[in-house]
Protein backbone atom coordinates (compact mmCIF):
# COMPACT_ATOMS: atom_id res chain seq x y z
CA MET A 1 -17.08 11.93 -34.26
CA SER A 2 -13.81 11.97 -36.87
CA LEU A 3 -12.19 9.03 -37.48
CA SER A 4 -8.63 11.06 -35.89
CA ALA A 5 -11.29 12.73 -32.58
CA GLU A 6 -12.79 8.72 -32.33
CA LYS A 7 -8.86 7.59 -32.39
CA LYS A 8 -7.61 10.33 -29.80
CA ALA A 9 -10.06 9.38 -27.34
CA THR A 10 -10.02 5.86 -27.11
CA ASN A 11 -5.78 6.13 -27.65
CA GLN A 12 -4.83 8.74 -25.04
CA GLY A 13 -1.77 6.43 -23.20
CA PRO A 14 -0.54 7.05 -19.89
CA PRO A 15 -0.83 10.64 -18.53
CA SER A 16 2.29 12.77 -18.01
CA ALA A 17 4.40 13.25 -15.08
CA ASP A 18 2.23 16.59 -14.06
CA THR A 19 -1.23 15.07 -14.67
CA GLU A 20 -2.71 14.15 -11.18
CA ASN A 21 -3.65 10.74 -11.54
CA PRO A 22 -4.13 8.60 -8.70
CA LYS A 23 -3.75 5.26 -10.27
CA LEU A 24 -0.01 5.68 -10.38
CA ASN A 25 0.19 5.89 -6.93
CA THR A 26 -1.52 3.14 -5.89
CA PHE A 27 0.46 0.14 -3.98
CA ALA A 28 0.42 -3.68 -3.60
CA VAL A 29 1.12 -5.11 -0.60
CA THR A 30 1.56 -8.45 0.75
CA VAL A 31 0.12 -8.87 4.24
CA ILE A 32 0.94 -12.02 7.04
CA ASP A 33 -1.65 -11.26 9.76
CA VAL A 34 -1.17 -12.88 13.38
CA LYS A 35 -3.12 -16.06 12.31
CA ASN A 36 -0.47 -16.41 9.38
CA GLN A 37 -3.00 -15.85 6.86
CA LYS A 38 -1.21 -14.53 3.63
CA THR A 39 -3.04 -11.87 1.96
CA LEU A 40 -2.16 -9.52 -1.27
CA MET A 41 -3.85 -6.63 -0.97
CA TYR A 42 -3.57 -3.51 -3.70
CA ASP A 43 -4.63 0.24 -3.69
CA VAL A 44 -3.66 0.06 -0.36
CA THR A 45 -4.25 3.04 1.69
CA CYS A 46 -3.87 3.14 6.01
CA GLY A 47 -5.76 5.73 8.67
CA MET A 48 -7.55 5.75 11.37
CA GLY A 49 -11.00 6.17 11.06
CA ILE A 50 -12.31 7.80 7.41
CA GLU A 51 -8.27 9.14 6.84
CA LYS A 52 -6.62 7.56 3.91
CA PHE A 53 -2.90 7.68 3.42
CA GLN A 54 -0.58 6.44 1.60
CA GLU A 55 2.18 7.49 3.94
CA PHE A 56 3.20 6.26 7.50
CA HIS A 57 2.54 8.41 10.58
CA GLY A 58 4.11 7.61 13.89
CA GLN A 59 7.15 7.96 16.31
CA ARG A 60 10.12 7.31 16.36
CA GLY A 61 11.74 8.58 19.88
CA ALA A 62 10.50 11.77 21.41
CA SER A 63 10.01 12.75 17.45
CA GLU A 64 7.24 12.29 15.04
CA ILE A 65 7.65 11.30 11.72
CA VAL A 66 5.94 10.50 8.32
CA VAL A 67 7.77 7.81 6.05
CA PRO A 68 5.79 7.94 2.43
CA PHE A 69 4.50 4.15 1.20
CA GLY A 70 7.51 4.42 -1.42
CA LYS A 71 9.95 4.30 0.79
CA VAL A 72 9.51 1.26 2.61
CA LYS A 73 9.80 -2.34 1.48
CA SER A 74 8.64 -4.11 4.48
CA VAL A 75 7.34 -3.56 7.82
CA GLU A 76 7.77 -5.93 10.86
CA VAL A 77 5.31 -5.21 14.22
CA THR A 78 7.29 -6.71 16.97
CA GLY A 79 4.55 -6.35 19.79
CA LYS A 80 3.13 -3.65 21.74
CA THR A 81 4.73 -0.70 23.27
CA PRO A 82 4.69 -0.90 27.07
CA SER A 83 1.60 1.34 28.59
CA ALA A 84 0.99 1.67 32.57
CA SER A 85 -2.38 0.07 31.65
CA ASP A 86 -4.07 -0.88 28.08
CA LEU A 87 -7.00 -0.16 30.16
CA TYR A 88 -6.26 3.48 30.26
CA ALA A 89 -4.41 3.77 26.72
CA SER A 90 -6.53 5.80 24.64
CA ASN A 91 -4.10 5.60 21.49
CA PRO A 92 -1.92 2.22 21.89
CA TYR A 93 0.84 1.58 19.44
CA VAL A 94 3.21 -1.30 18.36
CA ASN A 95 6.53 -1.75 17.86
CA THR A 96 7.54 -1.75 14.17
CA ILE A 97 11.01 -2.55 12.33
CA PHE A 98 10.48 -0.26 8.94
CA HIS A 99 12.94 -1.96 6.44
CA LEU A 100 13.37 0.96 3.93
CA THR A 101 14.72 0.74 0.07
CA ASP A 102 17.88 2.23 0.41
CA GLY A 103 18.65 -0.36 3.20
CA HIS A 104 18.84 1.07 6.20
CA SER A 105 15.96 -0.31 9.14
CA ILE A 106 14.82 1.83 11.47
CA HIS A 107 12.24 1.84 14.91
CA VAL A 108 9.21 3.16 14.55
CA GLU A 109 5.88 3.07 16.82
CA ILE A 110 2.89 3.31 15.00
CA PRO A 111 -0.87 3.40 16.06
CA ALA A 112 -2.49 -0.16 16.81
CA LYS A 113 -5.36 0.81 15.72
CA LEU A 114 -4.05 2.00 12.14
CA LEU A 115 -6.39 0.57 9.61
CA TRP A 116 -5.07 -0.81 6.73
CA ARG A 117 -7.39 -0.98 3.50
CA GLY A 118 -7.33 -2.00 0.06
CA ARG A 119 -8.74 -4.54 -2.49
CA THR A 120 -8.11 -8.04 -3.10
CA ALA A 121 -9.02 -10.75 -5.56
CA PHE A 122 -11.64 -12.20 -3.25
CA GLY A 123 -13.16 -8.60 -2.77
CA GLU A 124 -12.39 -5.62 0.11
CA MET A 125 -10.02 -6.46 2.95
CA SER A 126 -9.16 -4.02 6.15
CA VAL A 127 -7.11 -4.80 9.08
CA GLU A 128 -5.56 -3.20 11.62
CA THR A 129 -1.85 -2.93 12.26
CA GLN A 130 -2.41 -4.46 15.53
CA ASN A 131 -3.22 -7.54 13.68
CA ILE A 132 -0.63 -7.72 11.64
CA LYS A 133 2.83 -9.64 11.70
CA VAL A 134 4.57 -8.54 8.30
CA ILE A 135 3.82 -5.95 5.72
CA THR A 136 5.42 -6.72 2.55
CA PHE A 137 5.67 -3.41 -0.41
CA HIS A 138 5.46 -4.29 -3.88
CA HIS A 139 7.15 -1.43 -5.98
CA GLU A 140 10.25 -2.12 -7.18
CA GLY A 141 11.44 -2.14 -11.23
CA MET A 142 9.09 -4.19 -12.96
CA ALA A 143 5.29 -3.44 -12.79
CA LEU A 144 2.14 -4.75 -14.27
CA ARG A 145 -0.24 -2.57 -16.78
CA CYS A 146 -3.48 -2.67 -18.15
CA PRO A 147 -3.90 -1.65 -21.16
CA LYS A 148 -7.60 -0.90 -21.14
CA CYS A 149 -8.25 1.16 -17.73
CA GLY A 150 -4.00 2.36 -17.26
CA ASP A 151 -4.00 0.96 -13.82
CA ILE A 152 -0.75 -0.15 -12.53
CA PHE A 153 -0.02 -3.23 -10.20
CA HIS A 154 3.32 -4.36 -8.70
CA ILE A 155 1.69 -7.66 -7.57
CA GLU A 156 3.91 -11.02 -8.81
CA GLY A 157 1.46 -13.50 -10.09
CA PHE A 158 -1.23 -11.42 -11.70
CA LEU A 159 -1.62 -11.95 -15.17
CA PHE A 160 -5.10 -10.37 -15.71
CA CYS A 161 -6.66 -6.61 -14.95
CA PRO A 162 -9.18 -7.46 -11.72
CA TYR A 163 -11.17 -4.68 -12.92
CA ASP A 164 -11.75 -5.39 -16.17
CA GLY A 165 -10.04 -8.89 -17.16
CA HIS A 166 -7.54 -7.65 -19.58
CA LYS A 167 -4.02 -9.07 -20.55
CA LEU A 168 -1.88 -6.89 -18.18
CA ASP A 169 1.34 -5.76 -20.08
CA GLU A 170 4.98 -5.59 -17.87
CA VAL A 171 6.40 -2.13 -17.88
CA MET A 172 9.65 -0.44 -15.93
CA GLU A 173 8.82 2.03 -13.59
């Protein structure tokens, strides 16, 4: 391999905006569960079963809504939605308040069994929405990028890439 070809292969830089790269769309959150355990999660998705979404699917009044993670600053779980009987509720919901990045807040019912999955400093983690008090998204302004693998993190306090150990660089998004 020629020196210029080798340099090109190792120093490709960040992908362009029109290139599909799931690493540019990763989300980090801080989860506080019902036992007051606070955990940072990254590469976060949610879904029922094997689904993995980066958006909320829920109900607002009589309407079904979809809210992308990028529009959400935090979500407070305020309790279960009243039903005639939890015993017969096939898909129970929880009441939440979505605090959006534009400053608005909306009430949304989301499935109680919605499973949040992600990575942590200590390994993989998953938690159902019914076991969460608050989810806070980290996606404003400054981010951290690994110079080796290109992953972007929105987590305060990270100094090194959890995948390859390289020192992270600050970038503006």
